[in-house]
Amino acid sequence: MTNWRAVIIGFLVATVLGLFGLVIPGVGQLAAGLLGGFVAGYMAGGGLGRGFWHGLLAGALGGIIGGLLIALLVALSGWAFGPLGGAISGATGFGILLIAVLISLVMALESAIAGAVGGVLNPDRPDYSRRDPY
């Protein structure tokens, strides 16, 4: 089961550090992706595979959200050209979304590897079946 809290926190860490990483192009983005994936994997715990999965999701989330926004913008802008323009831009927007998802998954591999390291360093998977009322 995916720990979405770990994924979102890892995504936020990568995003905030990525903004500061603009000062050092390339190195800053790489470090931000690695650290965000590590945080997601460590928070999720549970070993190599679970850390890999959560790091991958945290790293890919930004690309997927960005691709979705660009695809919606392209699809909606086509309505200015009538029904045919709407159909063409809708198909184009869908293509842009698919390409953005594929690219973001490939680029998220660094976060996934760092997440796997984080998952190995925190092998204790939290037990969600028992809730502490306090």
N, C-alpha and C. Protein backbone atom coordinates (compact mmCIF):
# COMPACT_ATOMS: atom_id res chain seq x y z
N MET A 1 0.84 -1.16 0.00
CA MET A 1 0.00 0.00 0.00
C MET A 1 0.90 1.24 0.00
N THR A 2 0.54 2.20 -0.80
CA THR A 2 1.36 3.41 -0.94
C THR A 2 1.12 4.36 0.22
N ASN A 3 2.19 4.84 0.78
CA ASN A 3 2.13 5.83 1.85
C ASN A 3 2.19 7.21 1.17
N TRP A 4 1.03 7.79 0.90
CA TRP A 4 0.96 9.04 0.16
C TRP A 4 1.54 10.21 0.94
N ARG A 5 1.53 10.11 2.25
CA ARG A 5 2.14 11.17 3.06
C ARG A 5 3.63 11.23 2.78
N ALA A 6 4.28 10.08 2.73
CA ALA A 6 5.70 10.03 2.43
C ALA A 6 5.99 10.54 1.02
N VAL A 7 5.14 10.18 0.07
CA VAL A 7 5.32 10.61 -1.32
C VAL A 7 5.19 12.13 -1.43
N ILE A 8 4.17 12.69 -0.81
CA ILE A 8 3.94 14.13 -0.91
C ILE A 8 5.05 14.91 -0.20
N ILE A 9 5.49 14.44 0.96
CA ILE A 9 6.58 15.13 1.66
C ILE A 9 7.87 15.03 0.85
N GLY A 10 8.15 13.88 0.26
CA GLY A 10 9.32 13.75 -0.60
C GLY A 10 9.25 14.67 -1.81
N PHE A 11 8.06 14.77 -2.40
CA PHE A 11 7.85 15.68 -3.53
C PHE A 11 8.08 17.13 -3.12
N LEU A 12 7.55 17.51 -1.94
CA LEU A 12 7.72 18.89 -1.47
C LEU A 12 9.19 19.20 -1.17
N VAL A 13 9.89 18.23 -0.59
CA VAL A 13 11.34 18.43 -0.33
C VAL A 13 12.07 18.65 -1.65
N ALA A 14 11.78 17.81 -2.64
CA ALA A 14 12.45 17.95 -3.94
C ALA A 14 12.09 19.26 -4.62
N THR A 15 10.85 19.69 -4.48
CA THR A 15 10.42 20.94 -5.12
C THR A 15 11.08 22.15 -4.47
N VAL A 16 11.06 22.20 -3.15
CA VAL A 16 11.66 23.34 -2.45
C VAL A 16 13.17 23.39 -2.69
N LEU A 17 13.84 22.25 -2.56
CA LEU A 17 15.28 22.23 -2.81
C LEU A 17 15.60 22.50 -4.27
N GLY A 18 14.70 22.09 -5.18
CA GLY A 18 14.89 22.37 -6.59
C GLY A 18 14.82 23.85 -6.90
N LEU A 19 13.96 24.56 -6.19
CA LEU A 19 13.89 26.01 -6.37
C LEU A 19 15.18 26.68 -5.91
N PHE A 20 15.71 26.24 -4.78
CA PHE A 20 16.99 26.76 -4.32
C PHE A 20 18.13 26.26 -5.20
N GLY A 21 17.94 25.09 -5.79
CA GLY A 21 18.97 24.51 -6.64
C GLY A 21 19.12 25.20 -7.98
N LEU A 22 18.24 26.14 -8.29
CA LEU A 22 18.38 26.89 -9.53
C LEU A 22 19.64 27.75 -9.53
N VAL A 23 20.18 28.02 -8.34
CA VAL A 23 21.40 28.80 -8.22
C VAL A 23 22.58 28.00 -8.81
N ILE A 24 22.54 26.68 -8.61
CA ILE A 24 23.59 25.80 -9.13
C ILE A 24 22.93 24.87 -10.16
N PRO A 25 22.80 25.30 -11.41
CA PRO A 25 22.08 24.50 -12.40
C PRO A 25 22.66 23.09 -12.54
N GLY A 26 21.78 22.13 -12.68
CA GLY A 26 22.20 20.74 -12.85
C GLY A 26 22.47 20.05 -11.55
N VAL A 27 23.46 20.50 -10.82
CA VAL A 27 23.82 19.88 -9.56
C VAL A 27 22.70 20.08 -8.54
N GLY A 28 22.12 21.28 -8.50
CA GLY A 28 21.05 21.58 -7.55
C GLY A 28 19.82 20.72 -7.80
N GLN A 29 19.43 20.53 -9.06
CA GLN A 29 18.26 19.71 -9.39
C GLN A 29 18.54 18.24 -9.07
N LEU A 30 19.73 17.78 -9.36
CA LEU A 30 20.09 16.40 -9.07
C LEU A 30 20.05 16.12 -7.58
N ALA A 31 20.63 17.02 -6.81
CA ALA A 31 20.63 16.85 -5.36
C ALA A 31 19.21 16.92 -4.80
N ALA A 32 18.39 17.80 -5.35
CA ALA A 32 17.01 17.92 -4.88
C ALA A 32 16.23 16.64 -5.15
N GLY A 33 16.39 16.07 -6.34
CA GLY A 33 15.71 14.82 -6.65
C GLY A 33 16.18 13.66 -5.78
N LEU A 34 17.48 13.60 -5.55
CA LEU A 34 18.02 12.54 -4.71
C LEU A 34 17.51 12.66 -3.27
N LEU A 35 17.54 13.87 -2.74
CA LEU A 35 17.12 14.04 -1.35
C LEU A 35 15.61 13.84 -1.19
N GLY A 36 14.82 14.31 -2.16
CA GLY A 36 13.38 14.10 -2.09
C GLY A 36 13.01 12.62 -2.15
N GLY A 37 13.67 11.87 -3.03
CA GLY A 37 13.43 10.44 -3.11
C GLY A 37 13.87 9.71 -1.86
N PHE A 38 15.01 10.12 -1.30
CA PHE A 38 15.50 9.51 -0.07
C PHE A 38 14.50 9.73 1.07
N VAL A 39 13.99 10.95 1.20
CA VAL A 39 13.03 11.26 2.27
C VAL A 39 11.77 10.42 2.11
N ALA A 40 11.27 10.30 0.88
CA ALA A 40 10.07 9.50 0.65
C ALA A 40 10.31 8.03 0.99
N GLY A 41 11.44 7.49 0.55
CA GLY A 41 11.76 6.09 0.84
C GLY A 41 11.98 5.83 2.31
N TYR A 42 12.66 6.76 2.99
CA TYR A 42 12.92 6.58 4.41
C TYR A 42 11.63 6.66 5.22
N MET A 43 10.76 7.62 4.86
CA MET A 43 9.50 7.75 5.60
C MET A 43 8.61 6.53 5.39
N ALA A 44 8.61 5.99 4.17
CA ALA A 44 7.78 4.82 3.89
C ALA A 44 8.34 3.58 4.57
N GLY A 45 9.67 3.47 4.61
CA GLY A 45 10.30 2.32 5.23
C GLY A 45 9.98 1.04 4.50
N GLY A 46 10.29 -0.08 5.10
CA GLY A 46 9.89 -1.37 4.55
C GLY A 46 10.88 -2.03 3.62
N GLY A 47 12.03 -1.47 3.41
CA GLY A 47 13.05 -2.14 2.62
C GLY A 47 13.22 -1.55 1.23
N LEU A 48 13.94 -2.31 0.41
CA LEU A 48 14.39 -1.86 -0.90
C LEU A 48 13.25 -1.54 -1.87
N GLY A 49 12.36 -2.49 -2.07
CA GLY A 49 11.28 -2.31 -3.05
C GLY A 49 10.30 -1.22 -2.68
N ARG A 50 9.93 -1.19 -1.43
CA ARG A 50 8.99 -0.17 -0.97
C ARG A 50 9.60 1.23 -1.04
N GLY A 51 10.87 1.35 -0.68
CA GLY A 51 11.55 2.63 -0.79
C GLY A 51 11.70 3.07 -2.24
N PHE A 52 12.01 2.11 -3.13
CA PHE A 52 12.11 2.41 -4.56
C PHE A 52 10.80 2.96 -5.09
N TRP A 53 9.69 2.31 -4.76
CA TRP A 53 8.38 2.71 -5.24
C TRP A 53 8.02 4.13 -4.76
N HIS A 54 8.23 4.40 -3.50
CA HIS A 54 7.87 5.70 -2.96
C HIS A 54 8.79 6.81 -3.49
N GLY A 55 10.06 6.51 -3.67
CA GLY A 55 10.97 7.48 -4.28
C GLY A 55 10.60 7.77 -5.72
N LEU A 56 10.20 6.73 -6.46
CA LEU A 56 9.77 6.90 -7.85
C LEU A 56 8.55 7.79 -7.93
N LEU A 57 7.57 7.54 -7.08
CA LEU A 57 6.36 8.37 -7.10
C LEU A 57 6.65 9.81 -6.72
N ALA A 58 7.50 10.01 -5.72
CA ALA A 58 7.83 11.38 -5.30
C ALA A 58 8.56 12.12 -6.40
N GLY A 59 9.45 11.45 -7.09
CA GLY A 59 10.20 12.09 -8.17
C GLY A 59 9.37 12.36 -9.40
N ALA A 60 8.41 11.50 -9.69
CA ALA A 60 7.60 11.65 -10.89
C ALA A 60 6.41 12.57 -10.70
N LEU A 61 6.04 12.83 -9.49
CA LEU A 61 4.82 13.61 -9.22
C LEU A 61 4.88 15.00 -9.84
N GLY A 62 6.02 15.67 -9.74
CA GLY A 62 6.15 17.01 -10.31
C GLY A 62 5.97 17.02 -11.82
N GLY A 63 6.59 16.07 -12.49
CA GLY A 63 6.45 15.99 -13.95
C GLY A 63 5.03 15.66 -14.38
N ILE A 64 4.39 14.80 -13.63
CA ILE A 64 3.01 14.43 -13.97
C ILE A 64 2.08 15.62 -13.78
N ILE A 65 2.23 16.35 -12.68
CA ILE A 65 1.38 17.52 -12.43
C ILE A 65 1.65 18.60 -13.48
N GLY A 66 2.92 18.85 -13.79
CA GLY A 66 3.26 19.84 -14.81
C GLY A 66 2.72 19.45 -16.18
N GLY A 67 2.87 18.18 -16.54
CA GLY A 67 2.35 17.70 -17.82
C GLY A 67 0.84 17.81 -17.90
N LEU A 68 0.16 17.53 -16.79
CA LEU A 68 -1.29 17.66 -16.77
C LEU A 68 -1.74 19.10 -16.97
N LEU A 69 -1.05 20.03 -16.33
CA LEU A 69 -1.41 21.44 -16.50
C LEU A 69 -1.16 21.93 -17.92
N ILE A 70 -0.04 21.55 -18.52
CA ILE A 70 0.25 21.95 -19.90
C ILE A 70 -0.75 21.31 -20.86
N ALA A 71 -1.08 20.04 -20.64
CA ALA A 71 -2.05 19.35 -21.51
C ALA A 71 -3.42 20.01 -21.43
N LEU A 72 -3.84 20.40 -20.23
CA LEU A 72 -5.13 21.08 -20.09
C LEU A 72 -5.13 22.44 -20.77
N LEU A 73 -4.03 23.16 -20.65
CA LEU A 73 -3.92 24.46 -21.29
C LEU A 73 -4.01 24.34 -22.81
N VAL A 74 -3.31 23.37 -23.39
CA VAL A 74 -3.35 23.16 -24.83
C VAL A 74 -4.75 22.72 -25.27
N ALA A 75 -5.35 21.82 -24.51
CA ALA A 75 -6.68 21.33 -24.87
C ALA A 75 -7.73 22.44 -24.79
N LEU A 76 -7.64 23.27 -23.77
CA LEU A 76 -8.62 24.36 -23.63
C LEU A 76 -8.40 25.48 -24.63
N SER A 77 -7.16 25.73 -25.02
CA SER A 77 -6.90 26.81 -25.97
C SER A 77 -7.46 26.50 -27.35
N GLY A 78 -7.65 25.25 -27.67
CA GLY A 78 -8.20 24.87 -28.97
C GLY A 78 -9.66 25.23 -29.14
N TRP A 79 -10.36 25.46 -28.07
CA TRP A 79 -11.78 25.83 -28.18
C TRP A 79 -11.98 27.15 -28.88
N ALA A 80 -10.96 27.98 -28.93
CA ALA A 80 -11.06 29.26 -29.62
C ALA A 80 -11.22 29.06 -31.13
N PHE A 81 -10.86 27.89 -31.64
CA PHE A 81 -10.96 27.61 -33.08
C PHE A 81 -12.15 26.73 -33.42
N GLY A 82 -13.11 26.64 -32.54
CA GLY A 82 -14.34 25.90 -32.83
C GLY A 82 -14.19 24.41 -32.52
N PRO A 83 -15.20 23.64 -32.96
CA PRO A 83 -15.21 22.21 -32.63
C PRO A 83 -14.03 21.44 -33.22
N LEU A 84 -13.64 21.74 -34.45
CA LEU A 84 -12.52 21.02 -35.04
C LEU A 84 -11.21 21.36 -34.33
N GLY A 85 -11.03 22.62 -34.02
CA GLY A 85 -9.85 23.04 -33.27
C GLY A 85 -9.82 22.42 -31.88
N GLY A 86 -10.99 22.30 -31.26
CA GLY A 86 -11.07 21.67 -29.94
C GLY A 86 -10.68 20.21 -29.99
N ALA A 87 -11.13 19.50 -31.03
CA ALA A 87 -10.80 18.09 -31.16
C ALA A 87 -9.30 17.89 -31.41
N ILE A 88 -8.75 18.73 -32.27
CA ILE A 88 -7.32 18.62 -32.59
C ILE A 88 -6.47 18.95 -31.36
N SER A 89 -6.81 20.04 -30.68
CA SER A 89 -6.00 20.41 -29.52
C SER A 89 -6.23 19.46 -28.36
N GLY A 90 -7.41 18.86 -28.26
CA GLY A 90 -7.65 17.85 -27.22
C GLY A 90 -6.76 16.64 -27.42
N ALA A 91 -6.65 16.18 -28.68
CA ALA A 91 -5.78 15.04 -28.98
C ALA A 91 -4.32 15.41 -28.74
N THR A 92 -3.95 16.64 -29.10
CA THR A 92 -2.58 17.10 -28.87
C THR A 92 -2.28 17.17 -27.37
N GLY A 93 -3.24 17.70 -26.61
CA GLY A 93 -3.06 17.79 -25.16
C GLY A 93 -2.90 16.42 -24.53
N PHE A 94 -3.68 15.43 -25.01
CA PHE A 94 -3.55 14.07 -24.49
C PHE A 94 -2.18 13.49 -24.82
N GLY A 95 -1.69 13.76 -26.02
CA GLY A 95 -0.35 13.29 -26.40
C GLY A 95 0.73 13.93 -25.55
N ILE A 96 0.58 15.22 -25.28
CA ILE A 96 1.54 15.92 -24.42
C ILE A 96 1.54 15.31 -23.03
N LEU A 97 0.35 14.99 -22.50
CA LEU A 97 0.27 14.38 -21.18
C LEU A 97 0.97 13.03 -21.14
N LEU A 98 0.77 12.20 -22.14
CA LEU A 98 1.43 10.89 -22.17
C LEU A 98 2.95 11.02 -22.24
N ILE A 99 3.42 11.93 -23.08
CA ILE A 99 4.86 12.13 -23.19
C ILE A 99 5.44 12.67 -21.89
N ALA A 100 4.72 13.61 -21.25
CA ALA A 100 5.20 14.17 -19.98
C ALA A 100 5.26 13.10 -18.89
N VAL A 101 4.28 12.20 -18.86
CA VAL A 101 4.29 11.13 -17.87
C VAL A 101 5.48 10.19 -18.10
N LEU A 102 5.73 9.83 -19.34
CA LEU A 102 6.86 8.94 -19.63
C LEU A 102 8.20 9.60 -19.29
N ILE A 103 8.35 10.86 -19.65
CA ILE A 103 9.60 11.56 -19.36
C ILE A 103 9.79 11.72 -17.85
N SER A 104 8.71 12.04 -17.14
CA SER A 104 8.85 12.22 -15.70
C SER A 104 9.18 10.91 -15.00
N LEU A 105 8.68 9.80 -15.49
CA LEU A 105 9.04 8.51 -14.89
C LEU A 105 10.50 8.16 -15.13
N VAL A 106 11.01 8.46 -16.32
CA VAL A 106 12.42 8.20 -16.60
C VAL A 106 13.30 9.11 -15.74
N MET A 107 12.91 10.37 -15.62
CA MET A 107 13.71 11.31 -14.83
C MET A 107 13.60 11.01 -13.34
N ALA A 108 12.57 10.30 -12.92
CA ALA A 108 12.38 10.00 -11.51
C ALA A 108 13.20 8.79 -11.06
N LEU A 109 13.93 8.18 -11.95
CA LEU A 109 14.73 7.01 -11.57
C LEU A 109 15.79 7.35 -10.52
N GLU A 110 16.35 8.55 -10.57
CA GLU A 110 17.33 8.95 -9.55
C GLU A 110 16.66 9.02 -8.18
N SER A 111 15.43 9.55 -8.14
CA SER A 111 14.70 9.60 -6.88
C SER A 111 14.35 8.20 -6.39
N ALA A 112 14.05 7.32 -7.34
CA ALA A 112 13.70 5.95 -6.96
C ALA A 112 14.90 5.23 -6.35
N ILE A 113 16.08 5.44 -6.92
CA ILE A 113 17.28 4.80 -6.37
C ILE A 113 17.58 5.33 -4.98
N ALA A 114 17.44 6.65 -4.82
CA ALA A 114 17.65 7.24 -3.49
C ALA A 114 16.58 6.76 -2.52
N GLY A 115 15.34 6.58 -3.00
CA GLY A 115 14.27 6.05 -2.16
C GLY A 115 14.55 4.63 -1.71
N ALA A 116 15.15 3.83 -2.60
CA ALA A 116 15.51 2.47 -2.23
C ALA A 116 16.55 2.46 -1.12
N VAL A 117 17.51 3.38 -1.20
CA VAL A 117 18.51 3.49 -0.14
C VAL A 117 17.83 3.90 1.17
N GLY A 118 16.91 4.86 1.09
CA GLY A 118 16.19 5.29 2.28
C GLY A 118 15.35 4.17 2.87
N GLY A 119 14.72 3.37 2.01
CA GLY A 119 13.93 2.25 2.49
C GLY A 119 14.76 1.18 3.17
N VAL A 120 15.98 0.98 2.67
CA VAL A 120 16.89 0.00 3.29
C VAL A 120 17.36 0.51 4.65
N LEU A 121 17.60 1.81 4.75
CA LEU A 121 18.07 2.37 6.02
C LEU A 121 16.97 2.41 7.09
N ASN A 122 15.72 2.33 6.67
CA ASN A 122 14.60 2.28 7.61
C ASN A 122 13.77 1.04 7.30
N PRO A 123 14.23 -0.14 7.71
CA PRO A 123 13.54 -1.37 7.34
C PRO A 123 12.22 -1.59 8.08
N ASP A 124 11.97 -0.84 9.14
CA ASP A 124 10.74 -1.03 9.91
C ASP A 124 9.58 -0.36 9.20
N ARG A 125 8.68 -1.17 8.71
CA ARG A 125 7.49 -0.64 8.06
C ARG A 125 6.46 -0.37 9.14
N PRO A 126 5.89 0.83 9.18
CA PRO A 126 4.88 1.11 10.20
C PRO A 126 3.68 0.18 10.04
N ASP A 127 3.14 -0.24 11.17
CA ASP A 127 1.97 -1.11 11.16
C ASP A 127 0.71 -0.24 11.19
N TYR A 128 0.03 -0.16 10.04
CA TYR A 128 -1.17 0.68 9.95
C TYR A 128 -2.43 -0.07 10.36
N SER A 129 -2.29 -1.35 10.68
CA SER A 129 -3.48 -2.10 11.07
C SER A 129 -3.92 -1.76 12.48
N ARG A 130 -2.97 -1.34 13.30
CA ARG A 130 -3.32 -0.94 14.67
C ARG A 130 -3.09 0.57 14.82
N ARG A 131 -4.12 1.26 15.19
CA ARG A 131 -4.02 2.70 15.36
C ARG A 131 -3.93 3.05 16.84
N ASP A 132 -2.98 3.90 17.17
CA ASP A 132 -2.84 4.38 18.52
C ASP A 132 -3.80 5.55 18.70
N PRO A 133 -4.75 5.45 19.61
CA PRO A 133 -5.73 6.53 19.71
C PRO A 133 -5.15 7.83 20.25
N TYR A 134 -3.92 7.78 20.78
CA TYR A 134 -3.36 9.00 21.38
C TYR A 134 -2.26 9.52 20.53
